[in-house]
Amino acid sequence: MTCLECSKKLDYLDHRNSMDQLGVELCGNHHTRMVKLIETKNTPIEAIQLYYGLKGAGVQAMLEWWDGKKSVDIAISRVKLNIEIDAEYHMMTHEQAINDLERTMHSFKNGFTTIRIPHVLIKHYLKETVNNILGIMEGLKANIKVI
């Protein structure tokens, strides 16, 4: 039991608190940081779980990255990939749909691909979701031109 961020050995209480609240193993300091991020940025817990899942697979991702217009749940700048976690399913209105499309257009104009992942996929199929993102990254790498 070690912190996924700093590799510090966790005691039982830190491990239990972090797993109960976030579903990932973090020390007290990093757990507090993530809770603060959730409170200030309204970050979905599944975004944190996916971030650490990707980190465990060797991906250098950024959590709550500001793209100049909005905050992106997870960004992988090396392949210009933005990942948004759809935290709630509800009847989408035309205003929400057009806002999503405009955000995707803004990212695309800046050379980024945006994918949306339902939170239930991360909750129940984290490993498979990480593997699929790795596949998407391979495809994007193949299409990035070296300058």
C-alpha atoms as a PDB file:
ATOM      1  CA  MET A   1       0.000   0.000   0.000  1.00  0.00           C
ATOM      2  CA  THR A   2       1.764   3.087  -1.313  1.00  0.00           C
ATOM      3  CA  CYS A   3       0.574   6.478  -2.558  1.00  0.00           C
ATOM      4  CA  LEU A   4       0.076   6.450  -6.327  1.00  0.00           C
ATOM      5  CA  GLU A   5       1.434   9.990  -6.515  1.00  0.00           C
ATOM      6  CA  CYS A   6       4.517  10.019  -4.273  1.00  0.00           C
ATOM      7  CA  SER A   7       5.043   6.302  -3.445  1.00  0.00           C
ATOM      8  CA  LYS A   8       4.898   7.031   0.298  1.00  0.00           C
ATOM      9  CA  LYS A   9       3.956   4.001   2.392  1.00  0.00           C
ATOM     10  CA  LEU A  10       0.349   4.302   3.560  1.00  0.00           C
ATOM     11  CA  ASP A  11      -0.944   3.443   6.973  1.00  0.00           C
ATOM     12  CA  TYR A  12      -4.303   1.720   7.273  1.00  0.00           C
ATOM     13  CA  LEU A  13      -6.287   4.923   7.959  1.00  0.00           C
ATOM     14  CA  ASP A  14      -4.866   6.840   4.975  1.00  0.00           C
ATOM     15  CA  HIS A  15      -5.469   3.839   2.737  1.00  0.00           C
ATOM     16  CA  ARG A  16      -9.031   3.319   3.965  1.00  0.00           C
ATOM     17  CA  ASN A  17     -10.008   7.029   3.777  1.00  0.00           C
ATOM     18  CA  SER A  18      -8.616   7.428   0.284  1.00  0.00           C
ATOM     19  CA  MET A  19     -10.162   4.214  -1.043  1.00  0.00           C
ATOM     20  CA  ASP A  20     -13.555   4.990   0.522  1.00  0.00           C
ATOM     21  CA  GLN A  21     -13.694   8.543  -0.825  1.00  0.00           C
ATOM     22  CA  LEU A  22     -11.770   8.394  -4.108  1.00  0.00           C
ATOM     23  CA  GLY A  23     -11.248   4.746  -4.978  1.00  0.00           C
ATOM     24  CA  VAL A  24      -7.467   5.205  -5.326  1.00  0.00           C
ATOM     25  CA  GLU A  25      -4.573   4.812  -2.881  1.00  0.00           C
ATOM     26  CA  LEU A  26      -3.261   8.252  -1.869  1.00  0.00           C
ATOM     27  CA  CYS A  27      -1.390   9.572   1.156  1.00  0.00           C
ATOM     28  CA  GLY A  28      -3.058  12.166   3.383  1.00  0.00           C
ATOM     29  CA  ASN A  29      -1.493  15.118   1.513  1.00  0.00           C
ATOM     30  CA  HIS A  30      -2.475  13.964  -1.965  1.00  0.00           C
ATOM     31  CA  HIS A  31      -5.896  12.822  -0.773  1.00  0.00           C
ATOM     32  CA  THR A  32      -6.511  16.329   0.604  1.00  0.00           C
ATOM     33  CA  ARG A  33      -5.386  17.869  -2.718  1.00  0.00           C
ATOM     34  CA  MET A  34      -7.798  15.704  -4.685  1.00  0.00           C
ATOM     35  CA  VAL A  35     -10.708  16.471  -2.348  1.00  0.00           C
ATOM     36  CA  LYS A  36      -9.949  20.194  -2.753  1.00  0.00           C
ATOM     37  CA  LEU A  37      -9.851  19.763  -6.542  1.00  0.00           C
ATOM     38  CA  ILE A  38     -13.258  18.075  -6.435  1.00  0.00           C
ATOM     39  CA  GLU A  39     -14.673  20.921  -4.345  1.00  0.00           C
ATOM     40  CA  THR A  40     -13.187  23.803  -6.373  1.00  0.00           C
ATOM     41  CA  LYS A  41     -13.370  22.437  -9.934  1.00  0.00           C
ATOM     42  CA  ASN A  42     -16.247  19.967  -9.557  1.00  0.00           C
ATOM     43  CA  THR A  43     -13.933  17.224 -10.825  1.00  0.00           C
ATOM     44  CA  PRO A  44     -15.672  13.853 -11.143  1.00  0.00           C
ATOM     45  CA  ILE A  45     -14.203  11.120  -8.921  1.00  0.00           C
ATOM     46  CA  GLU A  46     -14.039   8.941 -12.033  1.00  0.00           C
ATOM     47  CA  ALA A  47     -11.688  11.498 -13.644  1.00  0.00           C
ATOM     48  CA  ILE A  48      -9.299  11.039 -10.711  1.00  0.00           C
ATOM     49  CA  GLN A  49      -9.565   7.256 -10.993  1.00  0.00           C
ATOM     50  CA  LEU A  50      -8.909   7.377 -14.747  1.00  0.00           C
ATOM     51  CA  TYR A  51      -6.012   9.807 -14.256  1.00  0.00           C
ATOM     52  CA  TYR A  52      -4.301   7.378 -11.875  1.00  0.00           C
ATOM     53  CA  GLY A  53      -5.177   4.425 -14.105  1.00  0.00           C
ATOM     54  CA  LEU A  54      -3.462   6.168 -17.019  1.00  0.00           C
ATOM     55  CA  LYS A  55      -0.540   7.154 -14.802  1.00  0.00           C
ATOM     56  CA  GLY A  56      -0.146   3.495 -13.806  1.00  0.00           C
ATOM     57  CA  ALA A  57       0.032   2.636 -17.518  1.00  0.00           C
ATOM     58  CA  GLY A  58       2.875   5.144 -17.990  1.00  0.00           C
ATOM     59  CA  VAL A  59       0.832   7.968 -19.512  1.00  0.00           C
ATOM     60  CA  GLN A  60       1.773  11.526 -18.591  1.00  0.00           C
ATOM     61  CA  ALA A  61      -1.637  13.149 -18.257  1.00  0.00           C
ATOM     62  CA  MET A  62      -2.801  16.399 -16.693  1.00  0.00           C
ATOM     63  CA  LEU A  63      -5.844  16.636 -14.452  1.00  0.00           C
ATOM     64  CA  GLU A  64      -8.083  19.718 -14.821  1.00  0.00           C
ATOM     65  CA  TRP A  65      -6.005  21.302 -17.578  1.00  0.00           C
ATOM     66  CA  TRP A  66      -7.027  24.808 -18.717  1.00  0.00           C
ATOM     67  CA  ASP A  67      -7.151  24.921 -22.526  1.00  0.00           C
ATOM     68  CA  GLY A  68      -7.681  28.677 -22.781  1.00  0.00           C
ATOM     69  CA  LYS A  69     -11.457  28.517 -22.791  1.00  0.00           C
ATOM     70  CA  LYS A  70     -12.438  25.811 -20.334  1.00  0.00           C
ATOM     71  CA  SER A  71     -11.036  23.272 -17.917  1.00  0.00           C
ATOM     72  CA  VAL A  72     -10.604  19.785 -19.371  1.00  0.00           C
ATOM     73  CA  ASP A  73     -10.987  16.805 -17.009  1.00  0.00           C
ATOM     74  CA  ILE A  74      -7.874  15.046 -18.353  1.00  0.00           C
ATOM     75  CA  ALA A  75      -5.473  16.200 -21.068  1.00  0.00           C
ATOM     76  CA  ILE A  76      -2.716  14.201 -22.703  1.00  0.00           C
ATOM     77  CA  SER A  77      -0.759  16.898 -24.493  1.00  0.00           C
ATOM     78  CA  ARG A  78       1.774  14.566 -26.127  1.00  0.00           C
ATOM     79  CA  VAL A  79      -0.933  13.267 -28.482  1.00  0.00           C
ATOM     80  CA  LYS A  80      -3.267  16.282 -28.187  1.00  0.00           C
ATOM     81  CA  LEU A  81      -6.081  14.346 -26.546  1.00  0.00           C
ATOM     82  CA  ASN A  82      -8.676  15.852 -24.215  1.00  0.00           C
ATOM     83  CA  ILE A  83     -10.827  13.513 -22.137  1.00  0.00           C
ATOM     84  CA  GLU A  84     -14.102  14.655 -20.626  1.00  0.00           C
ATOM     85  CA  ILE A  85     -15.956  12.481 -18.145  1.00  0.00           C
ATOM     86  CA  ASP A  86     -19.723  12.522 -18.517  1.00  0.00           C
ATOM     87  CA  ALA A  87     -20.652  12.367 -14.844  1.00  0.00           C
ATOM     88  CA  GLU A  88     -24.416  12.311 -15.204  1.00  0.00           C
ATOM     89  CA  TYR A  89     -26.767  10.932 -17.758  1.00  0.00           C
ATOM     90  CA  HIS A  90     -29.882  12.914 -18.319  1.00  0.00           C
ATOM     91  CA  MET A  91     -31.985  14.082 -21.184  1.00  0.00           C
ATOM     92  CA  MET A  92     -29.697  16.349 -23.155  1.00  0.00           C
ATOM     93  CA  THR A  93     -31.178  19.640 -24.255  1.00  0.00           C
ATOM     94  CA  HIS A  94     -30.282  21.288 -27.518  1.00  0.00           C
ATOM     95  CA  GLU A  95     -28.403  23.993 -25.558  1.00  0.00           C
ATOM     96  CA  GLN A  96     -26.187  21.373 -23.882  1.00  0.00           C
ATOM     97  CA  ALA A  97     -25.610  19.622 -27.194  1.00  0.00           C
ATOM     98  CA  ILE A  98     -24.565  22.812 -28.982  1.00  0.00           C
ATOM     99  CA  ASN A  99     -22.314  23.819 -26.063  1.00  0.00           C
ATOM    100  CA  ASP A 100     -20.605  20.406 -26.198  1.00  0.00           C
ATOM    101  CA  LEU A 101     -20.184  20.734 -29.949  1.00  0.00           C
ATOM    102  CA  GLU A 102     -18.720  24.251 -29.616  1.00  0.00           C
ATOM    103  CA  ARG A 103     -16.259  23.080 -26.946  1.00  0.00           C
ATOM    104  CA  THR A 104     -15.208  20.189 -29.170  1.00  0.00           C
ATOM    105  CA  MET A 105     -14.813  22.578 -32.116  1.00  0.00           C
ATOM    106  CA  HIS A 106     -12.615  24.916 -30.038  1.00  0.00           C
ATOM    107  CA  SER A 107     -10.378  22.009 -29.021  1.00  0.00           C
ATOM    108  CA  PHE A 108     -10.234  20.683 -32.574  1.00  0.00           C
ATOM    109  CA  LYS A 109      -9.225  24.118 -33.932  1.00  0.00           C
ATOM    110  CA  ASN A 110      -6.306  24.005 -31.495  1.00  0.00           C
ATOM    111  CA  GLY A 111      -5.337  20.571 -32.800  1.00  0.00           C
ATOM    112  CA  PHE A 112      -6.841  18.557 -29.928  1.00  0.00           C
ATOM    113  CA  THR A 113      -9.170  15.596 -30.177  1.00  0.00           C
ATOM    114  CA  THR A 114     -11.844  15.446 -27.474  1.00  0.00           C
ATOM    115  CA  ILE A 115     -13.433  12.210 -26.346  1.00  0.00           C
ATOM    116  CA  ARG A 116     -16.244  11.855 -23.840  1.00  0.00           C
ATOM    117  CA  ILE A 117     -16.317   8.835 -21.561  1.00  0.00           C
ATOM    118  CA  PRO A 118     -19.372   7.895 -19.477  1.00  0.00           C
ATOM    119  CA  HIS A 119     -18.546   7.717 -15.776  1.00  0.00           C
ATOM    120  CA  VAL A 120     -20.023   4.228 -15.482  1.00  0.00           C
ATOM    121  CA  LEU A 121     -17.388   2.885 -17.863  1.00  0.00           C
ATOM    122  CA  ILE A 122     -14.621   4.039 -15.545  1.00  0.00           C
ATOM    123  CA  LYS A 123     -16.494   2.885 -12.469  1.00  0.00           C
ATOM    124  CA  HIS A 124     -16.975  -0.672 -13.736  1.00  0.00           C
ATOM    125  CA  TYR A 125     -14.381  -1.129 -16.509  1.00  0.00           C
ATOM    126  CA  LEU A 126     -11.373   1.017 -15.595  1.00  0.00           C
ATOM    127  CA  LYS A 127      -8.723  -1.349 -16.989  1.00  0.00           C
ATOM    128  CA  GLU A 128     -10.535  -1.779 -20.312  1.00  0.00           C
ATOM    129  CA  THR A 129     -11.089   1.990 -20.548  1.00  0.00           C
ATOM    130  CA  VAL A 130      -7.368   2.647 -19.978  1.00  0.00           C
ATOM    131  CA  ASN A 131      -6.466   0.052 -22.640  1.00  0.00           C
ATOM    132  CA  ASN A 132      -8.824   1.668 -25.142  1.00  0.00           C
ATOM    133  CA  ILE A 133      -7.367   5.115 -24.444  1.00  0.00           C
ATOM    134  CA  LEU A 134      -3.884   3.673 -25.005  1.00  0.00           C
ATOM    135  CA  GLY A 135      -5.133   2.423 -28.395  1.00  0.00           C
ATOM    136  CA  ILE A 136      -6.550   5.859 -29.220  1.00  0.00           C
ATOM    137  CA  MET A 137      -3.205   7.401 -28.263  1.00  0.00           C
ATOM    138  CA  GLU A 138      -1.367   5.010 -30.624  1.00  0.00           C
ATOM    139  CA  GLY A 139      -3.653   6.071 -33.466  1.00  0.00           C
ATOM    140  CA  LEU A 140      -3.180   9.751 -32.691  1.00  0.00           C
ATOM    141  CA  LYS A 141       0.625   9.351 -32.462  1.00  0.00           C
ATOM    142  CA  ALA A 142       0.672   7.773 -35.899  1.00  0.00           C
ATOM    143  CA  ASN A 143      -1.141  10.806 -37.327  1.00  0.00           C
ATOM    144  CA  ILE A 144       0.904  13.530 -35.624  1.00  0.00           C
ATOM    145  CA  LYS A 145       3.389  15.101 -38.001  1.00  0.00           C
ATOM    146  CA  VAL A 146       6.865  15.670 -36.648  1.00  0.00           C
ATOM    147  CA  ILE A 147       7.922  19.307 -37.006  1.00  0.00           C
END
